[in-house]
């Protein structure tokens, strides 16, 4: 399961944002299973979403969830 960076989580304060934040680890896991992705590094973030380094077969890629 992915770890949501603390500085990203700290930005999300209202109840709707917190619900979305709480759902992120499961959401990312679901997408990774669906598309056959493997985690390939620490989760990063932008202003409004997560960037998860993954591998697809032997290719590096990222999964962005926002």
N, C-alpha and C. Protein backbone atom coordinates (compact mmCIF):
# COMPACT_ATOMS: atom_id res chain seq x y z
N UNK A 1 0.84 -1.18 0.00
CA UNK A 1 0.00 0.00 0.00
C UNK A 1 0.89 1.24 0.00
N UNK A 2 0.43 2.28 -0.66
CA UNK A 2 1.22 3.51 -0.76
C UNK A 2 1.14 4.32 0.53
N UNK A 3 2.14 5.15 0.72
CA UNK A 3 2.13 6.11 1.83
C UNK A 3 1.85 7.49 1.24
N UNK A 4 0.86 8.16 1.79
CA UNK A 4 0.55 9.52 1.34
C UNK A 4 1.50 10.47 2.07
N UNK A 5 2.25 11.29 1.32
CA UNK A 5 3.19 12.22 1.96
C UNK A 5 2.47 13.15 2.95
N UNK A 6 3.07 13.31 4.12
CA UNK A 6 2.45 14.11 5.19
C UNK A 6 2.22 15.56 4.78
N UNK A 7 3.15 16.15 4.03
CA UNK A 7 2.97 17.55 3.65
C UNK A 7 1.82 17.71 2.65
N UNK A 8 1.56 16.69 1.85
CA UNK A 8 0.40 16.73 0.95
C UNK A 8 -0.88 16.58 1.76
N UNK A 9 -0.90 15.63 2.67
CA UNK A 9 -2.09 15.39 3.50
C UNK A 9 -2.44 16.63 4.33
N UNK A 10 -1.44 17.36 4.79
CA UNK A 10 -1.68 18.53 5.64
C UNK A 10 -2.44 19.63 4.90
N UNK A 11 -2.34 19.67 3.58
CA UNK A 11 -3.04 20.69 2.79
C UNK A 11 -4.54 20.45 2.71
N UNK A 12 -4.93 19.21 2.86
CA UNK A 12 -6.33 18.84 2.65
C UNK A 12 -7.06 18.89 3.98
N UNK A 13 -7.89 19.90 4.13
CA UNK A 13 -8.47 20.16 5.45
C UNK A 13 -9.97 20.00 5.55
N UNK A 14 -10.70 20.28 4.48
CA UNK A 14 -12.16 20.20 4.63
C UNK A 14 -12.62 18.75 4.57
N UNK A 15 -13.82 18.47 5.04
CA UNK A 15 -14.29 17.08 5.13
C UNK A 15 -14.27 16.32 3.80
N UNK A 16 -14.64 16.98 2.72
CA UNK A 16 -14.64 16.31 1.42
C UNK A 16 -13.22 15.93 1.00
N UNK A 17 -12.29 16.85 1.21
CA UNK A 17 -10.89 16.56 0.89
C UNK A 17 -10.35 15.44 1.76
N UNK A 18 -10.71 15.41 3.02
CA UNK A 18 -10.23 14.36 3.93
C UNK A 18 -10.78 12.99 3.53
N UNK A 19 -12.04 12.94 3.10
CA UNK A 19 -12.61 11.67 2.64
C UNK A 19 -11.85 11.16 1.42
N UNK A 20 -11.57 12.07 0.48
CA UNK A 20 -10.81 11.70 -0.71
C UNK A 20 -9.42 11.20 -0.31
N UNK A 21 -8.78 11.93 0.58
CA UNK A 21 -7.45 11.56 1.05
C UNK A 21 -7.47 10.17 1.69
N UNK A 22 -8.46 9.91 2.52
CA UNK A 22 -8.56 8.60 3.17
C UNK A 22 -8.76 7.47 2.17
N UNK A 23 -9.38 7.78 1.03
CA UNK A 23 -9.64 6.74 0.02
C UNK A 23 -8.45 6.50 -0.91
N UNK A 24 -7.46 7.38 -0.89
CA UNK A 24 -6.37 7.29 -1.87
C UNK A 24 -5.60 5.97 -1.86
N UNK A 25 -5.16 5.46 -0.72
CA UNK A 25 -4.40 4.20 -0.78
C UNK A 25 -5.17 3.07 -1.47
N UNK A 26 -6.43 2.91 -1.14
CA UNK A 26 -7.23 1.86 -1.78
C UNK A 26 -7.46 2.16 -3.25
N UNK A 27 -7.70 3.41 -3.59
CA UNK A 27 -7.92 3.80 -4.98
C UNK A 27 -6.68 3.48 -5.82
N UNK A 28 -5.51 3.85 -5.32
CA UNK A 28 -4.26 3.57 -6.04
C UNK A 28 -4.07 2.06 -6.18
N UNK A 29 -4.31 1.31 -5.13
CA UNK A 29 -4.18 -0.15 -5.20
C UNK A 29 -5.12 -0.74 -6.26
N UNK A 30 -6.33 -0.23 -6.32
CA UNK A 30 -7.30 -0.73 -7.30
C UNK A 30 -6.81 -0.47 -8.73
N UNK A 31 -6.33 0.75 -8.99
CA UNK A 31 -5.80 1.06 -10.32
C UNK A 31 -4.58 0.20 -10.64
N UNK A 32 -3.72 0.00 -9.67
CA UNK A 32 -2.52 -0.80 -9.91
C UNK A 32 -2.89 -2.24 -10.27
N UNK A 33 -3.85 -2.80 -9.56
CA UNK A 33 -4.31 -4.17 -9.89
C UNK A 33 -4.95 -4.21 -11.28
N UNK A 34 -5.81 -3.24 -11.54
CA UNK A 34 -6.54 -3.21 -12.82
C UNK A 34 -5.59 -3.16 -14.00
N UNK A 35 -4.52 -2.36 -13.89
CA UNK A 35 -3.63 -2.14 -15.02
C UNK A 35 -2.31 -2.92 -14.92
N UNK A 36 -2.20 -3.80 -13.93
CA UNK A 36 -1.00 -4.63 -13.81
C UNK A 36 0.26 -3.83 -13.50
N UNK A 37 0.14 -2.82 -12.65
CA UNK A 37 1.27 -1.97 -12.29
C UNK A 37 1.94 -2.48 -11.03
N UNK A 38 3.24 -2.21 -10.92
CA UNK A 38 3.99 -2.52 -9.70
C UNK A 38 4.60 -1.24 -9.16
N UNK A 39 4.52 -1.05 -7.87
CA UNK A 39 5.10 0.12 -7.21
C UNK A 39 6.60 0.13 -7.45
N UNK A 40 7.15 1.33 -7.74
CA UNK A 40 8.57 1.42 -8.08
C UNK A 40 9.21 2.67 -7.47
N UNK A 41 8.91 2.95 -6.22
CA UNK A 41 9.53 4.09 -5.56
C UNK A 41 8.56 4.77 -4.62
N UNK A 42 9.05 5.84 -4.01
CA UNK A 42 8.24 6.59 -3.05
C UNK A 42 7.22 7.47 -3.77
N UNK A 43 6.05 7.58 -3.17
CA UNK A 43 5.00 8.43 -3.70
C UNK A 43 5.41 9.89 -3.59
N UNK A 44 5.15 10.63 -4.66
CA UNK A 44 5.43 12.07 -4.70
C UNK A 44 4.09 12.78 -4.87
N UNK A 45 4.14 14.10 -4.92
CA UNK A 45 2.88 14.82 -5.12
C UNK A 45 3.14 16.15 -5.81
N UNK A 46 2.08 16.64 -6.41
CA UNK A 46 2.04 17.99 -6.92
C UNK A 46 1.14 18.79 -6.00
N UNK A 47 0.55 19.85 -6.51
CA UNK A 47 -0.31 20.66 -5.67
C UNK A 47 -1.63 19.95 -5.35
N UNK A 48 -2.18 19.23 -6.34
CA UNK A 48 -3.51 18.67 -6.14
C UNK A 48 -3.61 17.16 -6.38
N UNK A 49 -2.50 16.48 -6.46
CA UNK A 49 -2.59 15.05 -6.70
C UNK A 49 -1.31 14.31 -6.36
N UNK A 50 -1.44 13.00 -6.33
CA UNK A 50 -0.29 12.13 -6.06
C UNK A 50 0.31 11.64 -7.36
N UNK A 51 1.60 11.41 -7.33
CA UNK A 51 2.33 10.82 -8.45
C UNK A 51 3.02 9.59 -7.90
N UNK A 52 2.62 8.43 -8.41
CA UNK A 52 3.11 7.16 -7.89
C UNK A 52 4.01 6.52 -8.94
N UNK A 53 5.32 6.38 -8.66
CA UNK A 53 6.20 5.71 -9.61
C UNK A 53 5.83 4.22 -9.69
N UNK A 54 5.67 3.73 -10.90
CA UNK A 54 5.27 2.34 -11.11
C UNK A 54 6.09 1.74 -12.25
N UNK A 55 5.95 0.45 -12.40
CA UNK A 55 6.52 -0.26 -13.54
C UNK A 55 5.39 -1.01 -14.23
N UNK A 56 5.47 -1.02 -15.54
CA UNK A 56 4.56 -1.79 -16.38
C UNK A 56 5.46 -2.74 -17.15
N UNK A 57 5.47 -3.99 -16.73
CA UNK A 57 6.45 -4.91 -17.30
C UNK A 57 7.83 -4.41 -16.92
N UNK A 58 8.67 -4.14 -17.92
CA UNK A 58 10.01 -3.64 -17.63
C UNK A 58 10.13 -2.14 -17.87
N UNK A 59 9.01 -1.47 -18.11
CA UNK A 59 9.02 -0.02 -18.39
C UNK A 59 8.65 0.79 -17.16
N UNK A 60 9.37 1.89 -16.95
CA UNK A 60 9.04 2.82 -15.87
C UNK A 60 7.89 3.72 -16.32
N UNK A 61 7.02 4.04 -15.38
CA UNK A 61 5.88 4.91 -15.66
C UNK A 61 5.46 5.57 -14.36
N UNK A 62 4.45 6.42 -14.42
CA UNK A 62 3.87 6.99 -13.20
C UNK A 62 2.35 6.88 -13.30
N UNK A 63 1.74 6.78 -12.14
CA UNK A 63 0.29 6.82 -12.01
C UNK A 63 -0.02 8.11 -11.28
N UNK A 64 -0.75 9.01 -11.93
CA UNK A 64 -1.13 10.27 -11.30
C UNK A 64 -2.59 10.17 -10.89
N UNK A 65 -2.86 10.50 -9.64
CA UNK A 65 -4.23 10.48 -9.12
C UNK A 65 -4.51 11.86 -8.55
N UNK A 66 -5.52 12.53 -9.12
CA UNK A 66 -5.85 13.87 -8.63
C UNK A 66 -7.34 14.08 -8.61
